[in-house]
Amino acid sequence: MTAYWLAQGVGVIAFLIGITTFINRDERRFKMQLALYSATIGGHFFLMGAWPAGMSAGLNALRTLISLRTRNLWVMALFIILTLALGLVKLHHPIELLPVIGTIASTWALFRTTGLTTRCVMWCSTVCWVIHNFWLGSIGGTLIEGSFLIMNGVNIIRFWRMQKRGIDPFRVEKALAEKEG
């Protein structure tokens, strides 16, 4: 098996891990599955030679796990600075800025927002990743991020409709936030 197909295989595994991430309404399960996906797709990007994307995805995994414990502004700022520093070091093409921008947006969302707002910002972040992954030629990465766009978009609409009917789809999440706060 060539290194290229090994990298693509890891991307497909990431696809299988990540496909149901945005269905979760429970914040903890959502973040844990997102972290596992991010670590796996980070390995895929490193194997593809896409260092800025690999660094961003690796930081995404760590950041997502840490955001389970704290929403501290200083921690968020540290991850944004790390994303910029590590993501820009090996930058070779302007398209490689997109994962860095997407990671910064999702970092802000995970530390400063909840519920539907988080999913909306994550959807915008996903647009950056889809464009990058397509440009890179990442089969698994394009499949998963394209799926994230569709699944998260459908769930955003579904959750928004639930809210319009007076149903709070993030009731569990809010109860946990009240305990922490």
Protein backbone atom coordinates (compact mmCIF):
# COMPACT_ATOMS: atom_id res chain seq x y z
CA MET A 1 0.00 0.00 0.00
CA THR A 2 1.40 3.38 -0.93
CA ALA A 3 1.62 6.28 1.51
CA TYR A 4 -1.03 8.10 -0.52
CA TRP A 5 -3.59 5.32 -0.06
CA LEU A 6 -2.69 4.91 3.60
CA ALA A 7 -3.39 8.63 4.06
CA GLN A 8 -6.68 8.31 2.17
CA GLY A 9 -7.61 5.29 4.31
CA VAL A 10 -7.08 7.29 7.50
CA GLY A 11 -9.28 10.01 5.96
CA VAL A 12 -12.05 7.49 5.34
CA ILE A 13 -11.77 6.25 8.95
CA ALA A 14 -12.14 9.88 10.08
CA PHE A 15 -15.21 10.11 7.84
CA LEU A 16 -16.76 7.10 9.59
CA ILE A 17 -16.00 8.55 13.04
CA GLY A 18 -17.28 12.01 12.24
CA ILE A 19 -20.43 11.27 10.26
CA THR A 20 -22.77 11.43 13.27
CA THR A 21 -21.02 14.15 15.28
CA PHE A 22 -23.49 16.96 14.66
CA ILE A 23 -26.56 14.85 15.47
CA ASN A 24 -25.58 14.93 19.15
CA ARG A 25 -27.57 17.37 21.24
CA ASP A 26 -25.59 16.54 24.36
CA GLU A 27 -22.67 19.00 24.49
CA ARG A 28 -20.26 16.55 26.16
CA ARG A 29 -20.82 13.72 23.66
CA PHE A 30 -20.73 16.23 20.77
CA LYS A 31 -17.34 17.57 21.88
CA MET A 32 -15.83 14.14 22.65
CA GLN A 33 -16.78 12.76 19.25
CA LEU A 34 -15.59 15.96 17.55
CA ALA A 35 -12.21 15.62 19.32
CA LEU A 36 -11.80 12.00 18.18
CA TYR A 37 -12.69 12.98 14.63
CA SER A 38 -10.27 15.95 14.71
CA ALA A 39 -7.37 13.80 15.93
CA THR A 40 -8.00 11.21 13.20
CA ILE A 41 -8.38 13.71 10.37
CA GLY A 42 -5.26 15.49 11.67
CA GLY A 43 -3.32 12.26 11.15
CA HIS A 44 -4.75 12.08 7.63
CA PHE A 45 -3.58 15.62 6.82
CA PHE A 46 -0.07 14.99 8.17
CA LEU A 47 0.12 11.87 6.01
CA MET A 48 -1.02 13.96 3.02
CA GLY A 49 1.76 16.49 3.71
CA ALA A 50 -0.74 19.25 4.57
CA TRP A 51 1.00 20.54 7.71
CA PRO A 52 -1.15 23.66 8.35
CA ALA A 53 -4.32 21.53 8.18
CA GLY A 54 -2.74 18.78 10.31
CA MET A 55 -1.66 21.32 12.94
CA SER A 56 -5.11 22.92 12.93
CA ALA A 57 -6.88 19.57 13.25
CA GLY A 58 -4.56 18.41 16.04
CA LEU A 59 -5.14 21.64 17.92
CA ASN A 60 -8.88 21.20 17.28
CA ALA A 61 -8.80 17.85 19.07
CA LEU A 62 -6.92 19.19 22.09
CA ARG A 63 -8.94 22.41 22.19
CA THR A 64 -12.25 20.55 22.02
CA LEU A 65 -11.32 18.31 24.96
CA ILE A 66 -10.14 21.27 27.02
CA SER A 67 -13.35 23.18 26.23
CA LEU A 68 -15.17 20.41 28.12
CA ARG A 69 -13.43 21.60 31.30
CA THR A 70 -13.21 25.37 30.85
CA ARG A 71 -14.55 28.25 28.80
CA ASN A 72 -11.86 30.63 30.05
CA LEU A 73 -10.99 33.49 27.68
CA TRP A 74 -7.26 33.09 28.29
CA VAL A 75 -7.39 29.43 27.28
CA MET A 76 -9.35 30.36 24.15
CA ALA A 77 -6.80 33.08 23.32
CA LEU A 78 -3.94 30.60 23.82
CA PHE A 79 -5.49 28.20 21.30
CA ILE A 80 -6.09 30.99 18.79
CA ILE A 81 -2.44 32.11 19.11
CA LEU A 82 -1.21 28.50 18.78
CA THR A 83 -3.41 27.99 15.72
CA LEU A 84 -1.98 31.09 14.07
CA ALA A 85 1.62 30.33 14.99
CA LEU A 86 1.62 26.63 14.07
CA GLY A 87 -0.73 26.98 11.11
CA LEU A 88 1.23 29.74 9.43
CA VAL A 89 4.72 28.23 9.90
CA LYS A 90 4.52 25.82 6.94
CA LEU A 91 2.09 27.79 4.80
CA HIS A 92 2.82 27.35 1.08
CA HIS A 93 -0.41 28.42 -0.59
CA PRO A 94 -3.15 30.93 0.30
CA ILE A 95 -5.78 28.15 0.36
CA GLU A 96 -3.91 26.69 3.35
CA LEU A 97 -5.14 29.70 5.36
CA LEU A 98 -8.69 28.34 5.27
CA PRO A 99 -8.20 25.59 7.91
CA VAL A 100 -6.51 28.17 10.15
CA ILE A 101 -9.46 30.56 9.74
CA GLY A 102 -11.94 27.72 10.29
CA THR A 103 -10.11 26.59 13.42
CA ILE A 104 -10.08 30.08 14.88
CA ALA A 105 -13.83 30.42 14.25
CA SER A 106 -14.63 27.04 15.79
CA THR A 107 -12.34 27.77 18.75
CA TRP A 108 -14.29 30.93 19.47
CA ALA A 109 -17.58 29.02 19.09
CA LEU A 110 -16.60 26.21 21.46
CA PHE A 111 -15.43 28.60 24.17
CA ARG A 112 -17.96 31.43 23.84
CA THR A 113 -21.23 30.03 22.43
CA THR A 114 -23.69 27.21 23.03
CA GLY A 115 -26.43 25.37 21.22
CA LEU A 116 -27.61 26.59 17.85
CA THR A 117 -25.06 29.43 17.71
CA THR A 118 -22.22 26.94 18.14
CA ARG A 119 -23.54 24.81 15.31
CA CYS A 120 -23.97 27.85 13.01
CA VAL A 121 -20.39 29.03 13.56
CA MET A 122 -19.14 25.46 13.12
CA TRP A 123 -21.05 25.31 9.82
CA CYS A 124 -19.18 28.41 8.59
CA SER A 125 -15.90 26.85 9.75
CA THR A 126 -16.78 23.73 7.80
CA VAL A 127 -17.10 25.76 4.59
CA CYS A 128 -13.42 26.72 4.99
CA TRP A 129 -12.41 23.09 5.47
CA VAL A 130 -14.47 21.82 2.49
CA ILE A 131 -12.78 24.25 0.13
CA HIS A 132 -9.34 23.36 1.50
CA ASN A 133 -9.92 19.59 1.40
CA PHE A 134 -11.23 19.68 -2.17
CA TRP A 135 -8.21 21.74 -3.23
CA LEU A 136 -5.86 19.31 -1.44
CA GLY A 137 -7.45 16.27 -3.10
CA SER A 138 -8.40 14.72 0.23
CA ILE A 139 -11.10 12.18 -0.55
CA GLY A 140 -12.01 11.38 3.08
CA GLY A 141 -11.59 14.97 4.20
CA THR A 142 -13.84 16.31 1.44
CA LEU A 143 -16.43 13.59 2.09
CA ILE A 144 -16.57 14.22 5.83
CA GLU A 145 -16.58 17.99 5.71
CA GLY A 146 -19.14 17.93 2.88
CA SER A 147 -21.23 15.59 5.02
CA PHE A 148 -20.75 17.94 8.00
CA LEU A 149 -22.06 20.81 5.88
CA ILE A 150 -25.17 18.87 4.97
CA MET A 151 -25.79 17.15 8.32
CA ASN A 152 -25.05 20.19 10.45
CA GLY A 153 -27.12 22.35 8.10
CA VAL A 154 -30.08 19.96 8.34
CA ASN A 155 -29.73 19.80 12.12
CA ILE A 156 -29.48 23.60 12.40
CA ILE A 157 -32.78 23.87 10.52
CA ARG A 158 -34.31 21.04 12.61
CA PHE A 159 -33.19 22.59 15.92
CA TRP A 160 -34.32 26.05 14.78
CA ARG A 161 -37.78 24.65 13.91
CA MET A 162 -37.95 22.94 17.31
CA GLN A 163 -37.21 26.27 18.98
CA LYS A 164 -39.92 27.97 16.89
CA ARG A 165 -42.40 25.38 18.22
CA GLY A 166 -41.33 26.13 21.79
CA ILE A 167 -39.19 23.00 22.20
CA ASP A 168 -35.68 23.52 23.55
CA PRO A 169 -33.42 20.98 21.79
CA PHE A 170 -30.50 21.99 24.04
CA ARG A 171 -32.25 21.67 27.40
CA VAL A 172 -29.64 19.20 28.71
CA GLU A 173 -26.81 21.48 27.57
CA LYS A 174 -28.33 24.49 29.33
CA ALA A 175 -28.81 22.56 32.58
CA LEU A 176 -25.12 21.57 32.54
CA ALA A 177 -24.06 25.17 31.82
CA GLU A 178 -26.13 26.39 34.78
CA LYS A 179 -24.39 23.83 37.04
CA GLU A 180 -20.95 25.06 35.89
CA GLY A 181 -21.85 28.77 36.11
